């Protein structure tokens, strides 16, 4: 999965091979935090399977999660620059994740300085997540904002992902309302209308996006 989507999929084959040969794969159960904000060392972290929530170091304790990350996501470049980690990752589902230890990543970059360009591209990917989250929250229309946040969390804000199963958000409506910065009653009213229209379906602590194409049109109405 790490070679078919996300940051590493766009890198050259020699870099891909070297990084994966250095990677250690581990499992995380739902609720387990496997990347910790504030750590001064640690190396690169990737999600091979599953979904994790991303939280910023200075986020509010009640609404720390700002994004959901899926297979192909990479992070951890800041410790290579001598800067403590700024984000945490906590498993939302069963997660298979990879760790490229700090010393291994530093060795690869020392031996191949041109590969620092790949690290810069990872930093750009992470910055884009922040930009998208900020842009979504500036939408004035409540329905457009709620829909934009759900699309982004499901990984289909601008297009459908290769794996259509990712379009199921395993989050409570309370959590989603907080991430969309609106009251639970307002969010629940929006969800009810979208269910009636057949654009989404509800399950136990999850929302399935049935018509992401129409939902994207709704989110775009306020842009």
Protein backbone atom coordinates (compact mmCIF):
# COMPACT_ATOMS: atom_id res chain seq x y z
CA UNK A 1 0.00 0.00 0.00
CA UNK A 2 2.84 2.42 0.75
CA UNK A 3 4.09 2.10 -2.84
CA UNK A 4 0.71 2.71 -4.47
CA UNK A 5 -0.57 5.85 -2.72
CA UNK A 6 0.64 8.81 -0.75
CA UNK A 7 4.01 10.51 -0.48
CA UNK A 8 6.29 7.50 -1.03
CA UNK A 9 4.42 6.41 -4.18
CA UNK A 10 5.74 9.50 -5.99
CA UNK A 11 9.40 8.96 -5.06
CA UNK A 12 12.07 7.31 -7.18
CA UNK A 13 12.39 3.49 -6.94
CA UNK A 14 15.83 3.64 -5.30
CA UNK A 15 14.54 5.87 -2.49
CA UNK A 16 11.42 3.73 -2.06
CA UNK A 17 13.49 0.57 -1.74
CA UNK A 18 16.01 2.07 0.68
CA UNK A 19 13.31 3.52 2.95
CA UNK A 20 11.21 0.35 3.10
CA UNK A 21 14.26 -1.81 3.77
CA UNK A 22 14.90 0.34 6.84
CA UNK A 23 11.26 0.29 7.99
CA UNK A 24 9.99 -1.68 10.99
CA UNK A 25 6.29 -2.61 10.79
CA UNK A 26 4.12 -2.66 13.90
CA UNK A 27 0.43 -2.98 14.80
CA UNK A 28 -1.66 -0.52 16.80
CA UNK A 29 -5.11 -1.22 18.24
CA UNK A 30 -7.89 1.40 18.21
CA UNK A 31 -7.12 4.12 20.75
CA UNK A 32 -3.37 3.49 20.81
CA UNK A 33 -1.18 6.55 20.17
CA UNK A 34 1.80 5.49 18.07
CA UNK A 35 3.31 8.90 17.29
CA UNK A 36 3.69 11.44 20.08
CA UNK A 37 3.82 15.23 19.79
CA UNK A 38 6.76 16.68 21.68
CA UNK A 39 9.16 13.79 21.04
CA UNK A 40 12.57 15.12 20.04
CA UNK A 41 13.61 12.00 18.12
CA UNK A 42 11.80 9.10 16.55
CA UNK A 43 12.19 8.97 12.79
CA UNK A 44 9.63 8.69 10.02
CA UNK A 45 6.19 7.14 10.56
CA UNK A 46 3.78 5.77 7.93
CA UNK A 47 0.32 4.21 7.90
CA UNK A 48 0.28 1.05 5.79
CA UNK A 49 -3.26 -0.08 6.67
CA UNK A 50 -6.07 1.46 8.68
CA UNK A 51 -7.01 4.95 9.83
CA UNK A 52 -5.55 7.21 12.51
CA UNK A 53 -6.53 10.60 13.89
CA UNK A 54 -4.06 13.46 13.67
CA UNK A 55 -3.83 15.98 16.48
CA UNK A 56 -1.66 19.06 16.85
CA UNK A 57 0.53 19.50 19.91
CA UNK A 58 -1.27 22.66 21.02
CA UNK A 59 -4.82 21.51 20.26
CA UNK A 60 -7.63 21.80 22.78
CA UNK A 61 -7.89 18.66 24.97
CA UNK A 62 -11.58 18.18 24.07
CA UNK A 63 -11.11 18.57 20.30
CA UNK A 64 -7.54 17.54 19.67
CA UNK A 65 -8.17 15.61 16.44
CA UNK A 66 -8.18 17.81 13.34
CA UNK A 67 -7.83 15.21 10.59
CA UNK A 68 -8.03 11.51 9.77
CA UNK A 69 -5.07 9.87 8.03
CA UNK A 70 -5.33 6.75 5.91
CA UNK A 71 -3.01 4.25 4.22
CA UNK A 72 -0.15 5.99 2.45
CA UNK A 73 0.21 8.80 5.00
CA UNK A 74 3.72 9.72 6.19
CA UNK A 75 4.97 12.08 8.88
CA UNK A 76 7.93 12.64 11.19
CA UNK A 77 10.26 14.85 9.17
CA UNK A 78 10.61 17.51 11.90
CA UNK A 79 12.90 15.44 14.12
CA UNK A 80 15.29 15.14 11.17
CA UNK A 81 15.59 18.94 11.36
CA UNK A 82 16.21 18.92 15.11
CA UNK A 83 12.64 20.07 15.86
CA UNK A 84 10.31 18.18 18.27
CA UNK A 85 7.29 16.48 16.75
CA UNK A 86 4.31 18.80 16.31
CA UNK A 87 1.63 16.15 15.71
CA UNK A 88 0.36 12.97 17.32
CA UNK A 89 -1.21 9.96 15.62
CA UNK A 90 -3.77 7.76 17.39
CA UNK A 91 -5.30 4.65 15.81
CA UNK A 92 -9.01 4.93 15.01
CA UNK A 93 -9.14 1.42 13.56
CA UNK A 94 -6.66 -1.44 13.68
CA UNK A 95 -3.55 0.10 12.13
CA UNK A 96 -0.46 -1.40 10.55
CA UNK A 97 2.21 1.27 10.71
CA UNK A 98 5.83 1.57 9.73
CA UNK A 99 8.70 3.24 11.56
CA UNK A 100 11.92 4.28 9.86
CA UNK A 101 14.16 4.86 12.90
CA UNK A 102 15.85 8.24 13.26
CA UNK A 103 19.36 6.85 12.84
CA UNK A 104 18.42 4.95 9.70
CA UNK A 105 16.73 7.97 8.10
CA UNK A 106 19.69 10.21 9.00
CA UNK A 107 22.13 7.70 7.48
CA UNK A 108 20.18 7.44 4.22
CA UNK A 109 20.03 11.23 3.86
CA UNK A 110 23.73 11.65 4.71
CA UNK A 111 24.66 9.09 2.05
CA UNK A 112 22.24 10.54 -0.52
CA UNK A 113 21.77 14.29 0.08
CA UNK A 114 19.60 14.60 -3.03
CA UNK A 115 16.93 12.61 -1.15
CA UNK A 116 16.30 15.63 1.08
CA UNK A 117 14.03 16.78 -1.74
CA UNK A 118 11.69 13.92 -0.85
CA UNK A 119 11.59 15.11 2.76
CA UNK A 120 10.66 18.59 1.53
CA UNK A 121 7.79 17.08 -0.44
CA UNK A 122 6.56 15.28 2.70
CA UNK A 123 6.60 18.59 4.56
CA UNK A 124 4.58 20.13 1.73
CA UNK A 125 2.00 17.32 1.93
CA UNK A 126 1.56 17.91 5.66
CA UNK A 127 1.29 21.65 5.18
CA UNK A 128 -1.46 21.07 2.61
CA UNK A 129 -3.48 19.17 5.23
CA UNK A 130 -3.35 22.23 7.45
CA UNK A 131 -4.31 24.50 4.57
CA UNK A 132 -7.31 22.33 3.64
CA UNK A 133 -8.50 22.12 7.24
CA UNK A 134 -8.27 25.87 7.62
CA UNK A 135 -10.06 26.50 4.33
CA UNK A 136 -12.89 24.13 5.27
CA UNK A 137 -13.48 25.93 8.56
CA UNK A 138 -13.74 29.32 6.85
CA UNK A 139 -16.89 28.23 4.98
CA UNK A 140 -19.75 30.33 6.31
CA UNK A 141 -22.60 28.01 5.35
CA UNK A 142 -22.99 25.35 8.06
CA UNK A 143 -24.03 22.57 5.67
CA UNK A 144 -21.17 23.28 3.28
CA UNK A 145 -18.69 23.34 6.19
CA UNK A 146 -19.98 20.08 7.69
CA UNK A 147 -19.89 18.33 4.32
CA UNK A 148 -16.41 19.68 3.48
CA UNK A 149 -15.03 18.40 6.79
CA UNK A 150 -16.54 14.92 6.27
CA UNK A 151 -15.16 14.73 2.72
CA UNK A 152 -11.69 15.74 3.87
CA UNK A 153 -11.70 13.26 6.74
CA UNK A 154 -12.75 10.47 4.36
CA UNK A 155 -9.94 11.34 1.96
CA UNK A 156 -12.24 12.43 -0.87
CA UNK A 157 -12.40 16.21 -0.53
CA UNK A 158 -11.50 16.71 -4.19
CA UNK A 159 -11.67 13.19 -5.67
CA UNK A 160 -12.54 9.64 -4.67
CA UNK A 161 -9.70 7.52 -3.21
CA UNK A 162 -8.75 4.20 -4.86
CA UNK A 163 -10.24 2.25 -1.95
CA UNK A 164 -13.94 3.13 -1.73
CA UNK A 165 -14.16 1.56 1.75
CA UNK A 166 -12.29 4.57 3.15
CA UNK A 167 -15.49 6.56 2.58
CA UNK A 168 -16.82 5.22 5.87
CA UNK A 169 -16.10 7.61 8.72
CA UNK A 170 -15.82 5.74 12.02
CA UNK A 171 -16.49 8.73 14.24
CA UNK A 172 -19.37 9.81 16.41
CA UNK A 173 -21.55 12.71 15.31
CA UNK A 174 -20.43 14.57 18.45
CA UNK A 175 -16.78 14.33 17.37
CA UNK A 176 -17.61 15.37 13.82
CA UNK A 177 -19.65 18.34 15.04
CA UNK A 178 -16.69 19.51 17.11
CA UNK A 179 -14.31 19.16 14.16
CA UNK A 180 -16.72 21.21 12.03
CA UNK A 181 -16.92 23.84 14.81
CA UNK A 182 -20.70 23.76 15.24
CA UNK A 183 -23.20 22.61 17.83
CA UNK A 184 -24.29 18.99 17.97
CA UNK A 185 -27.91 19.98 17.22
CA UNK A 186 -26.92 21.92 14.11
CA UNK A 187 -24.72 19.09 12.86
CA UNK A 188 -27.35 16.43 13.58
CA UNK A 189 -29.93 18.43 11.61
CA UNK A 190 -27.59 18.56 8.62
CA UNK A 191 -26.90 14.83 8.87
CA UNK A 192 -30.64 14.07 8.96
CA UNK A 193 -31.23 16.03 5.75
CA UNK A 194 -28.34 14.31 3.99
CA UNK A 195 -29.65 10.89 5.04
CA UNK A 196 -33.12 11.74 3.72
CA UNK A 197 -31.60 12.74 0.38
CA UNK A 198 -29.68 9.45 0.20
CA UNK A 199 -26.27 11.11 0.11
CA UNK A 200 -25.02 9.44 3.31
CA UNK A 201 -26.01 6.49 5.52
CA UNK A 202 -25.62 6.03 9.26
CA UNK A 203 -24.24 3.06 11.14
CA UNK A 204 -23.05 2.48 14.70
CA UNK A 205 -20.62 5.36 15.35
CA UNK A 206 -19.97 5.72 11.65
CA UNK A 207 -21.17 7.64 8.61
CA UNK A 208 -20.85 6.28 5.09
CA UNK A 209 -20.57 8.76 2.24
CA UNK A 210 -22.72 7.30 -0.54
CA UNK A 211 -22.58 10.15 -3.05
CA UNK A 212 -19.27 11.97 -2.63
CA UNK A 213 -19.74 13.63 -6.01
CA UNK A 214 -22.93 15.38 -4.88
CA UNK A 215 -21.43 16.14 -1.48
CA UNK A 216 -18.48 17.86 -3.16
CA UNK A 217 -20.94 20.03 -5.08
CA UNK A 218 -22.63 20.99 -1.79
CA UNK A 219 -19.29 21.88 -0.22
CA UNK A 220 -18.37 24.00 -3.25
CA UNK A 221 -21.48 26.16 -3.04
CA UNK A 222 -19.90 28.35 -0.38
CA UNK A 223 -16.41 28.59 -1.90
